[in-house]
Amino acid sequence: KIIEAAIKEKADIIGLSGLITPSLDEMIHVAKELERAGLKIPLLIGGATTSKTHTAVKIAPRYKEPVIHVLDASRTVVVVSNLLDKGLRDDFIAELDEEYDEVRDDHYDSLKDRRYLTLEEARSKALRIEWRRPENLPPQPHMVGHKVYDDVDLNELLPFIDWNPFFHVWQLRGKYPNRGYPKLFNDASVGEEAQRLFGEAQAMLRDLIDKRRIRASAIVSILPANSKGDDIVVYKDESRTEVAGTYHGLRQQAEKDRESTDPYLCLSDFVAPASEGIPDYIGSIAASAGFGVDELAAAYEADNDDYSAIMVKALADRLAEALTEKLHQDMRRELWGFAPNESLDTEDLLSIKYQGIRPAPGYPSQPDHSEKTTMWKLGSIAETTGIELTESLMMHPGASVCALVFAHPKSSYFAVGKISKDQVDDYVARKGASTDEIETWLRPILAYDA
């Protein structure tokens, strides 16, 4: 009845109030039904029996639209105003998303007896794609192999720069509703300083480009591949008879809520299995805008100009990320070509409104930095671009980015989270490494003491 009424009345907001404990389960049900019905209406949660934690942990994950706990009726006006104001809505929702992510993290950290599925159980609940359905067939690339970009024109990267992390380097963060670039400039406490910093950054950026003080290079690869269990096997050529390398995946094991039907994901789920006999591909990007940066920064430091040393490194980081963003766009539009008509502005690109994902080794979807070595071997990255891996598998120059690229429309970002000893043992066997070595790389995500 709630959904029917919301559709009939063309509701802008839906509110649920719970006064007794059974209402909590009903709210979860309503959220799931709203999602199933495909509605796009924000959901407010209130009432004596509700809490921010329950809303964040139990209700919000069931509905993709904003789900907001409102402590009491007096706060409703402010929340609704922010949701209906187009100029405030996005920042308001982004701040809530960050807050609720923290609430969920704190909640799960507090669960001393968090249960984990066995690896076998988790694999039985993997993402299942019907690969032979026409809409699920892997996109076939226009280019197979490697493309090296040497001495990239940095002017081409300027429209792709995300300035928000730049201000984070300087610990300049606006408060709602002036969070994020460029609204940060309107913030009463840091706006003036942010504008001054931005002006000086623009001047240095122009100098770096015009006088060619730093240089950028990159490589893009699209290679034949198929999944085998939790691994992605990369072939030497289209005959797919000889293996060139293998990307090893990790699968989610932490038990999800009982009501959840979400799969337990691994990156290999997004690549067609070899057993299907369907040709698929895996992409990668390695990019750097850091050539010459160390020398510049050292010169500034020798002149006791630490400010400029930090500035040039921060700008190089932004250019490296911008280069990666542009190359990923080139892959989608041209090299892989599965989105030839894509037309997204910078804000849409940074909001990941495109098809596919580009997770980086060492980050939540694949927390093992040692997987970079496979990428470097397959693309001869050090030899072709000059981007090297240190002993600790950091990239040098420092202003460098690498990522795998997945094209399938059902690919999505996720966090592996904590994993159990049975998966570590399986991973050790698949990688042919020692347990000590793997536990060292994966220590932050181990669900046991090692």
Protein backbone atom coordinates (compact mmCIF):
# COMPACT_ATOMS: atom_id res chain seq x y z
CA LYS A 1 0.00 0.00 0.00
CA ILE A 2 2.89 2.37 0.74
CA ILE A 3 4.35 1.85 -2.74
CA GLU A 4 0.95 2.17 -4.41
CA ALA A 5 0.26 5.41 -2.55
CA ALA A 6 3.71 6.81 -3.35
CA ILE A 7 3.20 6.18 -7.06
CA LYS A 8 -0.37 7.49 -7.08
CA GLU A 9 0.48 10.69 -5.19
CA LYS A 10 3.79 11.18 -7.04
CA ALA A 11 5.52 11.43 -3.69
CA ASP A 12 8.82 13.29 -3.37
CA ILE A 13 9.69 11.58 -0.05
CA ILE A 14 8.57 8.43 1.74
CA GLY A 15 8.65 8.32 5.54
CA LEU A 16 8.45 5.23 7.75
CA SER A 17 7.95 5.43 11.51
CA GLY A 18 8.56 2.50 13.83
CA LEU A 19 7.30 2.47 17.40
CA ILE A 20 7.68 -1.22 18.22
CA THR A 21 10.38 -3.77 17.42
CA PRO A 22 8.45 -5.69 14.69
CA SER A 23 8.38 -2.44 12.72
CA LEU A 24 12.11 -2.81 12.10
CA ASP A 25 11.69 -5.95 10.00
CA GLU A 26 8.79 -4.35 8.14
CA MET A 27 10.99 -1.38 7.25
CA ILE A 28 13.56 -3.75 5.76
CA HIS A 29 10.80 -5.38 3.74
CA VAL A 30 9.51 -2.02 2.49
CA ALA A 31 13.02 -0.98 1.44
CA LYS A 32 13.45 -4.20 -0.54
CA GLU A 33 10.07 -3.75 -2.21
CA LEU A 34 10.88 -0.15 -3.12
CA GLU A 35 14.05 -1.38 -4.80
CA ARG A 36 12.19 -4.18 -6.58
CA ALA A 37 9.64 -1.67 -7.85
CA GLY A 38 12.44 0.50 -9.22
CA LEU A 39 11.37 3.63 -7.37
CA LYS A 40 13.73 6.61 -7.04
CA ILE A 41 12.22 8.23 -3.95
CA PRO A 42 14.30 8.99 -0.81
CA LEU A 43 13.25 7.06 2.29
CA LEU A 44 13.18 8.61 5.76
CA ILE A 45 13.29 6.37 8.84
CA GLY A 46 12.11 7.52 12.27
CA GLY A 47 10.37 6.43 15.43
CA ALA A 48 11.25 5.32 18.94
CA THR A 49 12.47 1.86 18.03
CA THR A 50 14.75 2.95 15.18
CA SER A 51 18.39 3.99 15.23
CA LYS A 52 21.04 5.30 12.87
CA THR A 53 22.94 2.01 13.18
CA HIS A 54 19.94 -0.13 12.28
CA THR A 55 19.13 2.17 9.38
CA ALA A 56 22.68 2.10 8.04
CA VAL A 57 23.28 -1.62 8.55
CA LYS A 58 19.90 -3.21 7.89
CA ILE A 59 17.76 -0.88 5.78
CA ALA A 60 19.99 1.31 3.60
CA PRO A 61 21.76 -1.62 1.83
CA ARG A 62 18.36 -2.86 0.58
CA TYR A 63 17.53 0.31 -1.37
CA LYS A 64 19.85 2.18 -3.74
CA GLU A 65 18.20 5.55 -3.17
CA PRO A 66 18.96 7.68 -0.05
CA VAL A 67 17.80 6.07 3.20
CA ILE A 68 18.10 8.50 6.10
CA HIS A 69 17.49 8.11 9.81
CA VAL A 70 15.81 11.20 11.24
CA LEU A 71 16.24 11.46 15.00
CA ASP A 72 13.04 13.41 15.60
CA ALA A 73 10.33 15.23 13.68
CA SER A 74 11.99 18.62 14.14
CA ARG A 75 14.90 17.49 11.97
CA THR A 76 12.68 16.37 9.09
CA VAL A 77 12.27 19.82 7.57
CA VAL A 78 16.02 20.30 7.19
CA VAL A 79 16.53 16.82 5.73
CA VAL A 80 13.68 17.18 3.23
CA SER A 81 14.85 20.65 2.19
CA ASN A 82 18.33 19.35 1.45
CA LEU A 83 16.97 16.40 -0.54
CA LEU A 84 14.69 18.56 -2.69
CA ASP A 85 17.21 21.35 -3.34
CA LYS A 86 19.10 20.37 -6.52
CA GLY A 87 22.03 22.53 -5.50
CA LEU A 88 22.43 20.82 -2.13
CA ARG A 89 21.17 17.28 -2.75
CA ASP A 90 24.32 15.60 -4.13
CA ASP A 91 26.65 16.91 -1.43
CA PHE A 92 24.11 16.14 1.29
CA ILE A 93 23.75 12.55 0.09
CA ALA A 94 27.51 12.11 -0.33
CA GLU A 95 28.11 13.24 3.25
CA LEU A 96 25.42 10.87 4.52
CA ASP A 97 26.92 7.99 2.52
CA GLU A 98 30.31 8.59 4.14
CA GLU A 99 28.74 8.80 7.59
CA TYR A 100 26.73 5.60 7.11
CA ASP A 101 29.78 3.77 5.76
CA GLU A 102 31.56 4.64 9.01
CA VAL A 103 28.55 3.53 11.04
CA ARG A 104 28.52 0.18 9.24
CA ASP A 105 32.28 -0.27 9.67
CA ASP A 106 32.04 0.48 13.38
CA HIS A 107 29.13 -1.92 13.74
CA TYR A 108 30.88 -4.82 12.08
CA ASP A 109 34.13 -4.11 13.92
CA SER A 110 32.17 -4.47 17.13
CA LEU A 111 31.01 -7.97 16.24
CA LYS A 112 33.46 -10.17 18.07
CA ASP A 113 32.09 -13.39 16.63
CA ARG A 114 31.70 -12.38 13.02
CA ARG A 115 30.95 -15.52 11.04
CA TYR A 116 32.75 -16.39 7.83
CA LEU A 117 31.60 -18.78 5.16
CA THR A 118 34.00 -21.50 4.15
CA LEU A 119 35.62 -20.79 0.80
CA GLU A 120 33.55 -23.59 -0.70
CA GLU A 121 30.35 -21.99 0.62
CA ALA A 122 31.36 -18.57 -0.64
CA ARG A 123 32.11 -19.96 -4.09
CA SER A 124 28.71 -21.64 -4.17
CA LYS A 125 27.20 -18.17 -3.73
CA ALA A 126 29.33 -16.42 -6.37
CA LEU A 127 27.86 -14.07 -8.94
CA ARG A 128 26.21 -16.18 -11.65
CA ILE A 129 26.08 -14.62 -15.10
CA GLU A 130 24.22 -16.40 -17.90
CA TRP A 131 27.06 -15.85 -20.32
CA ARG A 132 25.27 -17.09 -23.43
CA ARG A 133 22.46 -14.58 -23.19
CA PRO A 134 23.02 -11.90 -25.87
CA GLU A 135 23.13 -9.05 -23.33
CA ASN A 136 25.79 -10.89 -21.30
CA LEU A 137 28.21 -11.78 -24.09
CA PRO A 138 31.62 -10.19 -23.41
CA PRO A 139 32.38 -7.08 -25.51
CA GLN A 140 34.89 -7.86 -28.26
CA PRO A 141 37.71 -5.28 -28.42
CA HIS A 142 38.83 -3.34 -31.47
CA MET A 143 42.44 -3.65 -30.32
CA VAL A 144 44.08 -6.71 -28.79
CA GLY A 145 47.57 -6.22 -27.40
CA HIS A 146 49.40 -3.22 -25.98
CA LYS A 147 49.46 0.48 -26.77
CA VAL A 148 52.25 2.65 -25.33
CA TYR A 149 51.82 6.39 -24.80
CA ASP A 150 55.14 8.21 -24.61
CA ASP A 151 55.49 11.86 -23.57
CA VAL A 152 51.76 12.52 -23.27
CA ASP A 153 50.51 16.07 -23.91
CA LEU A 154 49.61 17.19 -20.38
CA ASN A 155 47.21 19.84 -21.71
CA GLU A 156 44.89 17.02 -22.78
CA LEU A 157 44.61 15.87 -19.16
CA LEU A 158 43.39 19.13 -17.63
CA PRO A 159 39.64 18.46 -18.16
CA PHE A 160 40.01 15.10 -16.38
CA ILE A 161 41.56 16.39 -13.14
CA ASP A 162 39.74 15.61 -9.90
CA TRP A 163 40.71 18.49 -7.59
CA ASN A 164 39.14 17.14 -4.41
CA PRO A 165 42.13 14.95 -3.37
CA PHE A 166 44.42 17.91 -4.03
CA PHE A 167 42.71 19.93 -1.30
CA HIS A 168 42.79 16.89 1.01
CA VAL A 169 46.61 16.92 0.75
CA TRP A 170 46.51 20.38 2.31
CA GLN A 171 43.81 19.31 4.80
CA LEU A 172 41.35 21.84 3.43
CA ARG A 173 37.88 20.38 3.80
CA GLY A 174 34.72 22.43 3.61
CA LYS A 175 31.71 21.71 5.76
CA TYR A 176 28.30 20.93 4.37
CA PRO A 177 26.91 22.45 2.18
CA ASN A 178 30.34 23.61 0.96
CA ARG A 179 32.11 20.29 0.83
CA GLY A 180 34.11 19.41 -2.27
CA TYR A 181 35.52 21.38 -5.16
CA PRO A 182 34.44 24.02 -6.23
CA LYS A 183 31.89 24.63 -3.44
CA LEU A 184 34.81 24.53 -1.03
CA PHE A 185 35.61 28.10 -2.08
CA ASN A 186 32.38 29.28 -0.43
CA ASP A 187 33.25 27.81 2.97
CA ALA A 188 33.50 30.45 5.68
CA SER A 189 36.49 28.88 7.43
CA VAL A 190 38.68 27.57 4.60
CA GLY A 191 37.22 29.04 1.40
CA GLU A 192 39.58 32.00 1.09
CA GLU A 193 42.66 29.84 1.76
CA ALA A 194 41.42 27.23 -0.72
CA GLN A 195 41.04 29.88 -3.45
CA ARG A 196 44.54 31.20 -2.84
CA LEU A 197 46.00 27.69 -2.94
CA PHE A 198 44.10 26.85 -6.11
CA GLY A 199 45.38 29.99 -7.85
CA GLU A 200 48.97 29.12 -6.98
CA ALA A 201 48.40 25.54 -8.13
CA GLN A 202 47.14 26.77 -11.49
CA ALA A 203 50.22 28.96 -11.92
CA MET A 204 52.59 26.10 -11.13
CA LEU A 205 50.64 23.69 -13.33
CA ARG A 206 50.90 26.08 -16.26
CA ASP A 207 54.65 26.43 -15.65
CA LEU A 208 55.14 22.64 -15.43
CA ILE A 209 53.35 22.14 -18.74
CA ASP A 210 54.67 25.10 -20.74
CA LYS A 211 58.28 24.52 -19.74
CA ARG A 212 57.97 20.72 -19.95
CA ARG A 213 59.37 20.28 -16.47
CA ILE A 214 57.66 16.92 -15.98
CA ARG A 215 56.73 14.13 -18.36
CA ALA A 216 53.98 11.49 -18.54
CA SER A 217 53.88 8.05 -20.14
CA ALA A 218 51.54 5.07 -20.01
CA ILE A 219 50.58 1.70 -21.43
CA VAL A 220 47.14 0.25 -22.11
CA SER A 221 46.67 -3.49 -22.59
CA ILE A 222 43.68 -5.57 -23.72
CA LEU A 223 44.51 -9.28 -23.69
CA PRO A 224 42.65 -12.55 -24.31
CA ALA A 225 41.50 -14.03 -21.01
CA ASN A 226 39.03 -16.33 -19.30
CA SER A 227 38.29 -17.15 -15.71
CA LYS A 228 39.09 -20.44 -14.03
CA GLY A 229 37.56 -20.52 -10.57
CA ASP A 230 38.77 -17.46 -8.69
CA ASP A 231 41.61 -16.80 -11.15
CA ILE A 232 41.76 -14.96 -14.47
CA VAL A 233 43.98 -16.73 -17.00
CA VAL A 234 45.59 -14.49 -19.61
CA TYR A 235 46.57 -16.06 -22.94
CA LYS A 236 49.49 -15.25 -25.22
CA ASP A 237 47.26 -14.81 -28.25
CA GLU A 238 43.77 -15.38 -29.61
CA SER A 239 44.38 -19.09 -30.10
CA ARG A 240 44.12 -19.33 -26.28
CA THR A 241 46.34 -22.39 -26.21
CA GLU A 242 49.23 -20.94 -24.20
CA VAL A 243 48.97 -19.12 -20.87
CA ALA A 244 50.95 -15.87 -20.54
CA GLY A 245 50.06 -15.20 -16.92
CA THR A 246 47.39 -15.48 -14.26
CA TYR A 247 45.68 -12.90 -12.08
CA HIS A 248 44.69 -14.51 -8.79
CA GLY A 249 41.48 -13.37 -7.12
CA LEU A 250 40.18 -13.25 -3.58
CA ARG A 251 36.54 -13.85 -2.71
CA GLN A 252 34.31 -12.30 -0.07
CA GLN A 253 33.80 -14.60 2.91
CA ALA A 254 32.32 -12.49 5.73
CA GLU A 255 28.75 -13.60 6.19
CA LYS A 256 26.21 -11.11 4.90
CA ASP A 257 22.90 -10.37 6.59
CA ARG A 258 20.41 -13.21 6.59
CA GLU A 259 18.03 -11.19 4.45
CA SER A 260 20.69 -10.53 1.84
CA THR A 261 20.76 -12.36 -1.46
CA ASP A 262 23.90 -10.54 -2.59
CA PRO A 263 26.59 -12.78 -4.12
CA TYR A 264 30.00 -13.30 -2.56
CA LEU A 265 32.13 -11.57 -5.16
CA CYS A 266 35.53 -12.15 -6.70
CA LEU A 267 36.94 -10.23 -9.68
CA SER A 268 36.99 -13.42 -11.72
CA ASP A 269 33.18 -13.43 -11.63
CA PHE A 270 33.22 -10.63 -14.21
CA VAL A 271 35.16 -12.64 -16.84
CA ALA A 272 33.64 -15.49 -18.84
CA PRO A 273 34.76 -18.93 -17.60
CA ALA A 274 37.01 -20.95 -19.90
CA SER A 275 34.50 -23.80 -19.60
CA GLU A 276 31.91 -21.72 -21.47
CA GLY A 277 34.08 -21.55 -24.58
CA ILE A 278 33.33 -17.84 -24.94
CA PRO A 279 36.28 -15.53 -25.73
CA ASP A 280 36.72 -12.77 -23.16
CA TYR A 281 39.41 -10.21 -22.36
CA ILE A 282 41.08 -8.41 -19.47
CA GLY A 283 42.39 -4.87 -19.71
CA SER A 284 44.98 -2.95 -17.74
CA ILE A 285 46.42 0.54 -17.44
CA ALA A 286 49.74 1.71 -16.03
CA ALA A 287 50.25 5.46 -16.13
CA SER A 288 52.65 7.99 -14.64
CA ALA A 289 52.98 11.77 -14.68
CA GLY A 290 55.92 11.66 -12.32
CA PHE A 291 58.97 11.72 -14.58
CA GLY A 292 61.06 14.68 -13.48
CA VAL A 293 59.09 15.29 -10.27
CA ASP A 294 61.68 13.91 -7.85
CA GLU A 295 64.36 16.16 -9.30
CA LEU A 296 62.11 19.23 -9.12
CA ALA A 297 61.03 18.47 -5.56
CA ALA A 298 64.66 17.92 -4.50
CA ALA A 299 65.64 21.28 -5.97
CA TYR A 300 62.83 23.02 -4.09
CA GLU A 301 63.80 21.28 -0.84
CA ALA A 302 67.45 22.26 -1.31
CA ASP A 303 66.20 25.83 -1.57
CA ASN A 304 64.18 25.37 1.66
CA ASP A 305 60.95 25.64 -0.32
CA ASP A 306 59.02 22.71 1.09
CA TYR A 307 55.72 24.28 0.00
CA SER A 308 56.63 24.07 -3.69
CA ALA A 309 58.03 20.56 -3.24
CA ILE A 310 54.71 19.36 -1.83
CA MET A 311 52.81 21.29 -4.51
CA VAL A 312 54.63 19.74 -7.46
CA LYS A 313 54.11 16.23 -6.06
CA ALA A 314 50.42 16.88 -5.43
CA LEU A 315 49.92 18.21 -8.96
CA ALA A 316 51.76 15.25 -10.49
CA ASP A 317 49.48 12.90 -8.56
CA ARG A 318 46.43 14.68 -10.00
CA LEU A 319 47.83 14.47 -13.53
CA ALA A 320 48.55 10.74 -13.16
CA GLU A 321 44.98 10.09 -12.05
CA ALA A 322 43.68 12.31 -14.87
CA LEU A 323 45.75 10.38 -17.40
CA THR A 324 44.29 7.13 -16.12
CA GLU A 325 40.77 8.56 -16.36
CA LYS A 326 41.37 9.66 -19.95
CA LEU A 327 42.92 6.35 -21.00
CA HIS A 328 40.03 4.43 -19.47
CA GLN A 329 37.65 6.61 -21.48
CA ASP A 330 39.68 5.93 -24.64
CA MET A 331 39.40 2.21 -23.93
CA ARG A 332 35.63 2.33 -23.54
CA ARG A 333 35.07 4.52 -26.60
CA GLU A 334 37.72 3.31 -29.04
CA LEU A 335 40.24 0.63 -28.10
CA TRP A 336 37.75 -1.79 -26.55
CA GLY A 337 34.93 0.18 -28.09
CA PHE A 338 31.99 -1.12 -26.06
CA ALA A 339 30.74 2.44 -25.39
CA PRO A 340 31.50 4.33 -28.63
CA ASN A 341 28.83 6.94 -28.02
CA GLU A 342 29.64 7.60 -24.37
CA SER A 343 29.38 11.31 -23.60
CA LEU A 344 30.07 12.01 -19.93
CA ASP A 345 31.30 15.20 -18.33
CA THR A 346 34.04 15.23 -15.71
CA GLU A 347 31.58 15.01 -12.82
CA ASP A 348 29.94 11.93 -14.35
CA LEU A 349 33.32 10.30 -14.96
CA LEU A 350 34.39 10.86 -11.37
CA SER A 351 31.02 9.51 -10.21
CA ILE A 352 31.72 6.28 -12.21
CA LYS A 353 28.63 6.54 -14.39
CA TYR A 354 30.25 4.51 -17.16
CA GLN A 355 30.20 0.80 -17.96
CA GLY A 356 32.88 -1.35 -16.35
CA ILE A 357 35.38 -0.89 -13.53
CA ARG A 358 39.13 -0.37 -13.08
CA PRO A 359 40.18 -1.78 -9.68
CA ALA A 360 43.81 -1.48 -8.64
CA PRO A 361 45.89 -4.27 -7.07
CA GLY A 362 46.32 -3.52 -3.39
CA TYR A 363 42.87 -1.95 -3.07
CA PRO A 364 39.58 -3.40 -1.73
CA SER A 365 38.59 -5.58 -4.70
CA GLN A 366 42.05 -7.23 -4.81
CA PRO A 367 44.03 -6.31 -1.67
CA ASP A 368 47.18 -8.16 -2.74
CA HIS A 369 49.81 -5.73 -4.06
CA SER A 370 51.89 -8.64 -5.35
CA GLU A 371 49.41 -9.05 -8.22
CA LYS A 372 51.10 -6.02 -9.78
CA THR A 373 54.01 -8.24 -10.77
CA THR A 374 51.79 -10.14 -13.21
CA MET A 375 50.63 -6.89 -14.80
CA TRP A 376 54.23 -5.68 -15.16
CA LYS A 377 55.33 -8.97 -16.70
CA LEU A 378 52.45 -9.15 -19.20
CA GLY A 379 52.97 -5.61 -20.43
CA SER A 380 56.76 -5.33 -20.02
CA ILE A 381 55.76 -2.13 -18.26
CA ALA A 382 59.13 -1.16 -16.83
CA GLU A 383 60.80 -1.54 -20.22
CA THR A 384 58.10 0.20 -22.29
CA THR A 385 57.15 3.08 -19.97
CA GLY A 386 59.90 3.46 -17.38
CA ILE A 387 57.41 2.88 -14.55
CA GLU A 388 59.10 0.47 -12.16
CA LEU A 389 58.10 -1.57 -9.12
CA THR A 390 60.18 -1.25 -5.96
CA GLU A 391 60.96 -4.19 -3.66
CA SER A 392 57.88 -3.29 -1.63
CA LEU A 393 55.86 -3.15 -4.90
CA MET A 394 55.33 0.58 -4.78
CA MET A 395 55.42 2.28 -8.17
CA HIS A 396 58.24 4.61 -9.17
CA PRO A 397 57.89 7.45 -10.07
CA GLY A 398 55.57 8.04 -7.16
CA ALA A 399 52.91 9.84 -9.22
CA SER A 400 51.83 6.60 -10.91
CA VAL A 401 48.63 4.60 -11.17
CA CYS A 402 47.87 1.05 -12.27
CA ALA A 403 44.60 -0.80 -12.61
CA LEU A 404 42.90 -3.78 -14.17
CA VAL A 405 40.04 -2.94 -16.52
CA PHE A 406 36.80 -4.94 -16.73
CA ALA A 407 34.30 -4.24 -19.50
CA HIS A 408 31.28 -6.34 -18.57
CA PRO A 409 28.17 -4.31 -17.65
CA LYS A 410 27.64 -6.47 -14.57
CA SER A 411 31.09 -5.76 -13.17
CA SER A 412 31.03 -3.66 -10.02
CA TYR A 413 33.31 -2.38 -7.29
CA PHE A 414 33.32 -4.28 -3.99
CA ALA A 415 35.50 -4.88 -0.97
CA VAL A 416 36.79 -8.40 -0.34
CA GLY A 417 36.83 -7.71 3.40
CA LYS A 418 38.29 -10.16 5.88
CA ILE A 419 39.14 -13.68 4.74
CA SER A 420 39.64 -16.96 6.58
CA LYS A 421 42.54 -19.38 6.78
CA ASP A 422 41.01 -21.80 4.27
CA GLN A 423 41.06 -19.13 1.56
CA VAL A 424 44.62 -18.16 2.43
CA ASP A 425 45.71 -21.79 2.09
CA ASP A 426 43.93 -22.05 -1.26
CA TYR A 427 45.47 -18.78 -2.43
CA VAL A 428 48.95 -19.95 -1.40
CA ALA A 429 48.51 -23.10 -3.49
CA ARG A 430 47.21 -21.20 -6.52
CA LYS A 431 50.00 -18.61 -6.45
CA GLY A 432 52.75 -21.09 -5.64
CA ALA A 433 53.95 -18.87 -2.81
CA SER A 434 54.71 -19.50 0.85
CA THR A 435 52.13 -19.00 3.58
CA ASP A 436 54.39 -16.49 5.34
CA GLU A 437 54.71 -14.42 2.17
CA ILE A 438 50.97 -14.36 1.47
CA GLU A 439 50.06 -13.62 5.07
CA THR A 440 52.48 -10.70 5.02
CA TRP A 441 50.80 -9.18 1.96
CA LEU A 442 47.28 -9.91 3.19
CA ARG A 443 47.70 -9.20 6.90
CA PRO A 444 45.21 -6.27 6.99
CA ILE A 445 42.41 -8.53 5.74
CA LEU A 446 43.13 -11.73 7.69
CA ALA A 447 40.27 -12.82 9.93
CA TYR A 448 42.70 -14.64 12.20
CA ASP A 449 45.95 -13.94 14.00
CA ALA A 450 48.99 -14.84 11.94
